[in-house]
Amino acid sequence: MNIVLHGINLEKEFVPYFEQLIKILESRGIRTFFTENFAKSIKKINMLPESFEVLNPERGMSDVDFVLSIGGDGTLLDTVIQVGAQETPIIGINSGRLGFLATVAKENIQKAIDDLVAGEFTIESRALVSLEASRPVFSGMNFGLNEFTIHKRDTSSMIIVHTYINGQYLNSYWADGLIVATPTGSTGYSLSCGGPLITPGARNFVITPVSPHNLNVRPIVVPDESVISFKIEGRSEKFLISLDSRSTAIDATVELKLKKADFSAKLVKFSGYNYFDTLRQKLNWGFDMRN
């Protein structure tokens, strides 16, 4: 079995668990690689094991069975970009706080690897959004797991986002911005702007305005087979577009179309995982601060 480890930064508090993970993988005879950026990060704190191998960027994930994402949900989003269309299954080990996506607690690393070797897991397919633009953006990595966002830049003035579904006019949003979220991303930025929660298996996108001028404008759920296109107006010459945590500036002449990607993110889930349990715990449903 070949496994790649990917992370952004290794927190000091997580170092003992990282050491445990390496020992477990070695004891299981699992060939372990590190992504180039993660190797550089842990080399700075002298944590690279003697037998480490750096993943060949030219070959990518072609010979890899699983990717271990070590960090929080932001790291897992970055891991999805690293994997891309190769759809290598991803295991999220949570060294952060929230953990909607990185669902393996650091205390459960041993059991997770044991279950992985024993084949006691399932794989969830999560839809991605894919952006088509009239000029190159995001270095060709034009997809995201959570959301696509259009946002104002360097001005207090609102922007106008003319929005079309399959070529049919939907609305002109006078707002600070507009979010198109996947079911996975419905617990993120869209939720904070009043968007609904959508279960991961639902075949929908949700369009959520950011601070709309007209309070009657509400989020709308559309089929994920839709092609959503935009035309942007505003006083500023530049606007921001983002895919998950990556942002870039564009001008109003750039044509934008959004649809579901032709590939998906594959997330490994172990026994005992339940989406609704995670939802209740992370959102503190049923929690009474008076008690």
Protein backbone atom coordinates (compact mmCIF):
# COMPACT_ATOMS: atom_id res chain seq x y z
CA MET A 1 0.00 0.00 0.00
CA ASN A 2 1.26 3.49 -0.92
CA ILE A 3 0.14 6.49 1.11
CA VAL A 4 0.92 10.19 0.68
CA LEU A 5 0.98 12.58 3.63
CA HIS A 6 -0.04 16.17 2.96
CA GLY A 7 -0.25 19.14 5.29
CA ILE A 8 0.42 22.86 5.40
CA ASN A 9 1.92 23.38 8.84
CA LEU A 10 2.53 20.96 11.67
CA GLU A 11 1.47 22.44 14.99
CA LYS A 12 3.71 21.72 17.99
CA GLU A 13 0.80 20.18 19.86
CA PHE A 14 0.36 17.63 17.09
CA VAL A 15 4.01 16.50 16.92
CA PRO A 16 3.56 13.48 19.28
CA TYR A 17 0.61 12.28 17.19
CA PHE A 18 2.61 12.76 13.99
CA GLU A 19 5.41 10.64 15.42
CA GLN A 20 2.86 8.00 16.36
CA LEU A 21 1.42 8.05 12.83
CA ILE A 22 4.84 7.53 11.22
CA LYS A 23 5.61 4.58 13.53
CA ILE A 24 2.26 2.97 12.77
CA LEU A 25 2.73 3.31 9.01
CA GLU A 26 6.26 1.89 9.21
CA SER A 27 5.14 -1.03 11.39
CA ARG A 28 2.46 -1.86 8.84
CA GLY A 29 4.97 -1.88 5.97
CA ILE A 30 3.16 0.96 4.24
CA ARG A 31 5.27 2.91 1.78
CA THR A 32 4.92 6.56 2.77
CA PHE A 33 5.46 9.64 0.63
CA PHE A 34 5.28 13.33 1.45
CA THR A 35 4.07 16.08 -0.82
CA GLU A 36 6.86 18.50 -1.66
CA ASN A 37 5.45 21.42 0.32
CA PHE A 38 4.70 19.29 3.38
CA ALA A 39 8.22 17.84 3.34
CA LYS A 40 9.65 21.36 3.36
CA SER A 41 7.38 22.33 6.24
CA ILE A 42 8.28 19.44 8.56
CA LYS A 43 11.95 19.58 7.60
CA LYS A 44 12.10 22.98 9.27
CA ILE A 45 11.24 21.38 12.62
CA ASN A 46 13.45 18.31 12.07
CA MET A 47 10.51 15.90 11.94
CA LEU A 48 11.23 14.11 8.66
CA PRO A 49 11.73 10.35 9.20
CA GLU A 50 14.93 8.82 7.82
CA SER A 51 13.09 6.73 5.24
CA PHE A 52 10.92 9.54 3.86
CA GLU A 53 10.25 9.90 0.13
CA VAL A 54 8.97 13.01 -1.61
CA LEU A 55 6.18 12.49 -4.12
CA ASN A 56 7.27 13.00 -7.70
CA PRO A 57 5.17 15.97 -8.89
CA GLU A 58 5.36 14.79 -12.51
CA ARG A 59 3.81 11.42 -11.69
CA GLY A 60 1.36 12.86 -9.20
CA MET A 61 -0.96 10.45 -7.45
CA SER A 62 -0.92 7.77 -10.16
CA ASP A 63 0.55 5.04 -7.92
CA VAL A 64 -0.98 6.24 -4.66
CA ASP A 65 -3.71 4.32 -2.82
CA PHE A 66 -4.67 6.95 -0.23
CA VAL A 67 -3.79 10.49 0.81
CA LEU A 68 -3.64 11.45 4.48
CA SER A 69 -4.56 15.10 4.98
CA ILE A 70 -3.02 16.27 8.26
CA GLY A 71 -4.55 19.49 9.54
CA GLY A 72 -7.99 21.06 9.62
CA ASP A 73 -10.67 21.48 7.01
CA GLY A 74 -8.58 24.09 5.18
CA THR A 75 -5.81 21.54 4.74
CA LEU A 76 -8.26 19.01 3.37
CA LEU A 77 -9.53 21.55 0.84
CA ASP A 78 -5.92 22.04 -0.25
CA THR A 79 -5.48 18.26 -0.44
CA VAL A 80 -8.42 18.07 -2.85
CA ILE A 81 -6.55 20.48 -5.14
CA GLN A 82 -3.41 18.33 -4.88
CA VAL A 83 -5.36 15.21 -5.87
CA GLY A 84 -7.45 16.80 -8.63
CA ALA A 85 -9.01 14.59 -11.26
CA GLN A 86 -7.10 11.48 -10.12
CA GLU A 87 -9.73 11.02 -7.39
CA THR A 88 -7.35 9.36 -4.93
CA PRO A 89 -9.29 8.69 -1.69
CA ILE A 90 -8.53 11.19 1.07
CA ILE A 91 -8.41 10.57 4.82
CA GLY A 92 -8.71 13.71 6.94
CA ILE A 93 -6.82 13.60 10.24
CA ASN A 94 -7.99 16.55 12.29
CA SER A 95 -5.26 18.48 14.08
CA GLY A 96 -7.39 21.60 13.96
CA ARG A 97 -10.60 22.59 15.71
CA LEU A 98 -13.67 22.37 13.49
CA GLY A 99 -13.40 19.11 11.60
CA PHE A 100 -16.44 18.99 9.33
CA LEU A 101 -14.27 17.35 6.66
CA ALA A 102 -11.22 16.13 8.59
CA THR A 103 -13.19 13.69 10.72
CA VAL A 104 -10.47 11.44 12.20
CA ALA A 105 -9.58 12.74 15.67
CA LYS A 106 -5.88 12.65 16.53
CA GLU A 107 -6.67 10.28 19.40
CA ASN A 108 -8.08 7.75 16.89
CA ILE A 109 -5.11 7.55 14.50
CA GLN A 110 -4.21 3.98 15.48
CA LYS A 111 -7.75 2.68 14.93
CA ALA A 112 -8.10 4.58 11.64
CA ILE A 113 -4.96 2.99 10.17
CA ASP A 114 -5.99 -0.44 11.46
CA ASP A 115 -9.42 -0.08 9.84
CA LEU A 116 -7.82 1.18 6.63
CA VAL A 117 -5.55 -1.85 6.36
CA ALA A 118 -8.47 -4.16 7.19
CA GLY A 119 -10.64 -2.52 4.53
CA GLU A 120 -13.23 -1.44 7.07
CA PHE A 121 -14.22 1.88 5.58
CA THR A 122 -16.50 3.49 3.03
CA ILE A 123 -15.79 6.17 0.43
CA GLU A 124 -18.06 9.18 -0.04
CA SER A 125 -18.12 11.04 -3.34
CA ARG A 126 -18.40 14.81 -2.89
CA ALA A 127 -19.36 17.07 -5.80
CA LEU A 128 -16.98 19.84 -6.88
CA VAL A 129 -17.69 23.13 -8.61
CA SER A 130 -15.78 23.83 -11.81
CA LEU A 131 -15.19 27.33 -13.18
CA GLU A 132 -14.90 28.27 -16.85
CA ALA A 133 -13.49 31.74 -17.50
CA SER A 134 -12.69 33.64 -20.68
CA ARG A 135 -9.11 34.03 -19.49
CA PRO A 136 -6.88 31.68 -17.44
CA VAL A 137 -7.47 31.78 -13.68
CA PHE A 138 -6.19 29.79 -10.69
CA SER A 139 -3.33 28.32 -12.75
CA GLY A 140 -5.71 25.84 -14.32
CA MET A 141 -6.80 24.47 -10.91
CA ASN A 142 -10.26 25.86 -11.52
CA PHE A 143 -12.28 23.64 -9.20
CA GLY A 144 -13.24 23.60 -5.53
CA LEU A 145 -14.96 21.44 -2.96
CA ASN A 146 -16.77 24.10 -0.92
CA GLU A 147 -17.78 27.12 -2.96
CA PHE A 148 -17.20 29.67 -5.67
CA THR A 149 -17.52 33.30 -4.59
CA ILE A 150 -17.72 36.69 -6.32
CA HIS A 151 -16.92 39.58 -4.00
CA LYS A 152 -16.37 43.33 -4.12
CA ARG A 153 -12.81 44.64 -3.80
CA ASP A 154 -11.23 47.83 -2.41
CA THR A 155 -14.49 49.76 -2.19
CA SER A 156 -17.42 50.20 0.14
CA SER A 157 -19.84 50.20 -2.81
CA MET A 158 -21.91 47.14 -3.58
CA ILE A 159 -21.56 45.23 -6.81
CA ILE A 160 -24.23 43.93 -9.14
CA VAL A 161 -24.02 40.28 -10.16
CA HIS A 162 -26.36 39.43 -13.04
CA THR A 163 -26.96 35.70 -12.71
CA TYR A 164 -28.28 33.20 -15.25
CA ILE A 165 -29.28 29.53 -14.93
CA ASN A 166 -28.81 27.54 -18.15
CA GLY A 167 -28.92 30.83 -20.03
CA GLN A 168 -32.16 31.98 -18.39
CA TYR A 169 -32.07 35.16 -16.32
CA LEU A 170 -32.39 34.51 -12.58
CA ASN A 171 -31.69 37.81 -10.81
CA SER A 172 -29.41 40.82 -10.50
CA TYR A 173 -27.93 40.66 -7.03
CA TRP A 174 -27.09 44.04 -5.51
CA ALA A 175 -24.80 42.86 -2.71
CA ASP A 176 -21.28 42.65 -1.34
CA GLY A 177 -20.94 39.38 -3.21
CA LEU A 178 -22.46 36.08 -4.26
CA ILE A 179 -21.68 32.51 -3.20
CA VAL A 180 -22.38 29.28 -5.06
CA ALA A 181 -21.85 26.44 -2.61
CA THR A 182 -21.84 22.67 -2.97
CA PRO A 183 -23.60 20.51 -0.38
CA THR A 184 -20.21 20.10 1.30
CA GLY A 185 -19.71 23.86 1.33
CA SER A 186 -23.19 24.55 2.70
CA THR A 187 -21.72 24.41 6.24
CA GLY A 188 -19.15 27.11 5.40
CA TYR A 189 -19.34 30.67 4.10
CA SER A 190 -22.84 30.15 2.70
CA LEU A 191 -24.16 29.13 6.13
CA SER A 192 -22.72 32.28 7.73
CA CYS A 193 -24.62 34.34 5.14
CA GLY A 194 -27.93 32.66 5.87
CA GLY A 195 -27.78 29.77 3.43
CA PRO A 196 -29.43 26.40 4.16
CA LEU A 197 -27.67 23.21 5.19
CA ILE A 198 -27.63 20.59 2.43
CA THR A 199 -26.74 16.95 3.07
CA PRO A 200 -23.63 15.72 1.19
CA GLY A 201 -25.52 13.32 -1.08
CA ALA A 202 -27.95 15.93 -2.38
CA ARG A 203 -27.48 16.84 -6.04
CA ASN A 204 -27.82 20.59 -5.62
CA PHE A 205 -25.98 23.88 -5.43
CA VAL A 206 -27.10 26.80 -3.28
CA ILE A 207 -26.76 30.41 -4.47
CA THR A 208 -26.40 32.73 -1.49
CA PRO A 209 -26.03 36.54 -1.64
CA VAL A 210 -23.55 38.24 0.69
CA SER A 211 -25.18 41.20 2.50
CA PRO A 212 -27.81 41.90 -0.22
CA HIS A 213 -29.27 45.39 -0.61
CA ASN A 214 -32.78 43.97 -0.93
CA LEU A 215 -33.68 41.90 2.14
CA ASN A 216 -36.31 40.00 0.14
CA VAL A 217 -33.54 38.32 -1.83
CA ARG A 218 -32.94 34.90 -0.31
CA PRO A 219 -30.69 31.90 -1.01
CA ILE A 220 -31.97 29.58 -3.71
CA VAL A 221 -31.22 25.89 -4.25
CA VAL A 222 -30.73 24.75 -7.85
CA PRO A 223 -29.90 21.36 -9.43
CA ASP A 224 -26.18 20.68 -9.72
CA GLU A 225 -26.71 19.90 -13.41
CA SER A 226 -27.25 23.63 -13.92
CA VAL A 227 -24.78 25.88 -15.71
CA ILE A 228 -24.62 29.15 -13.78
CA SER A 229 -23.21 32.21 -15.53
CA PHE A 230 -22.50 35.73 -14.31
CA LYS A 231 -22.00 39.30 -15.49
CA ILE A 232 -20.56 41.73 -12.94
CA GLU A 233 -21.02 45.49 -12.60
CA GLY A 234 -19.63 47.94 -10.07
CA ARG A 235 -17.75 51.15 -9.49
CA SER A 236 -14.48 49.33 -9.01
CA GLU A 237 -12.47 48.16 -12.02
CA LYS A 238 -11.59 44.89 -10.29
CA PHE A 239 -13.54 42.22 -8.45
CA LEU A 240 -12.49 39.19 -6.46
CA ILE A 241 -13.39 35.64 -7.34
CA SER A 242 -12.48 32.70 -5.15
CA LEU A 243 -12.56 28.92 -5.13
CA ASP A 244 -12.46 27.76 -1.53
CA SER A 245 -9.47 29.59 0.00
CA ARG A 246 -7.87 30.71 -3.29
CA SER A 247 -8.66 34.18 -4.61
CA THR A 248 -7.77 36.23 -7.67
CA ALA A 249 -8.78 39.62 -9.07
CA ILE A 250 -10.60 39.97 -12.40
CA ASP A 251 -12.31 42.78 -14.29
CA ALA A 252 -15.86 42.94 -15.56
CA THR A 253 -14.88 41.82 -19.09
CA VAL A 254 -14.09 38.29 -17.90
CA GLU A 255 -16.91 35.86 -18.68
CA LEU A 256 -17.65 33.33 -15.93
CA LYS A 257 -19.54 30.04 -16.03
CA LEU A 258 -19.90 27.57 -13.20
CA LYS A 259 -20.96 23.93 -13.28
CA LYS A 260 -20.35 20.64 -11.53
CA ALA A 261 -16.90 19.20 -12.21
CA ASP A 262 -16.55 16.01 -14.24
CA PHE A 263 -14.77 14.36 -11.29
CA SER A 264 -15.38 14.31 -7.55
CA ALA A 265 -13.54 14.29 -4.24
CA LYS A 266 -13.40 10.86 -2.59
CA LEU A 267 -13.45 11.05 1.21
CA VAL A 268 -12.74 7.98 3.35
CA LYS A 269 -15.15 7.44 6.25
CA PHE A 270 -14.68 4.88 9.01
CA SER A 271 -17.18 3.02 11.16
CA GLY A 272 -18.85 5.20 13.73
CA TYR A 273 -18.91 8.26 11.47
CA ASN A 274 -22.32 9.86 11.10
CA TYR A 275 -22.86 13.14 9.25
CA PHE A 276 -25.74 14.23 11.48
CA ASP A 277 -23.75 13.51 14.63
CA THR A 278 -20.97 15.72 13.26
CA LEU A 279 -23.49 18.42 12.39
CA ARG A 280 -24.99 18.47 15.87
CA GLN A 281 -21.60 18.48 17.60
CA LYS A 282 -19.94 21.16 15.46
CA LEU A 283 -22.95 23.49 15.47
CA ASN A 284 -23.75 22.88 19.15
CA TRP A 285 -27.33 21.89 18.43
CA GLY A 286 -29.19 21.13 21.61
CA PHE A 287 -26.48 22.77 23.71
CA ASP A 288 -27.86 25.01 26.45
CA MET A 289 -25.27 27.48 27.74
CA ARG A 290 -27.35 27.97 30.90
CA ASN A 291 -26.52 24.42 32.03
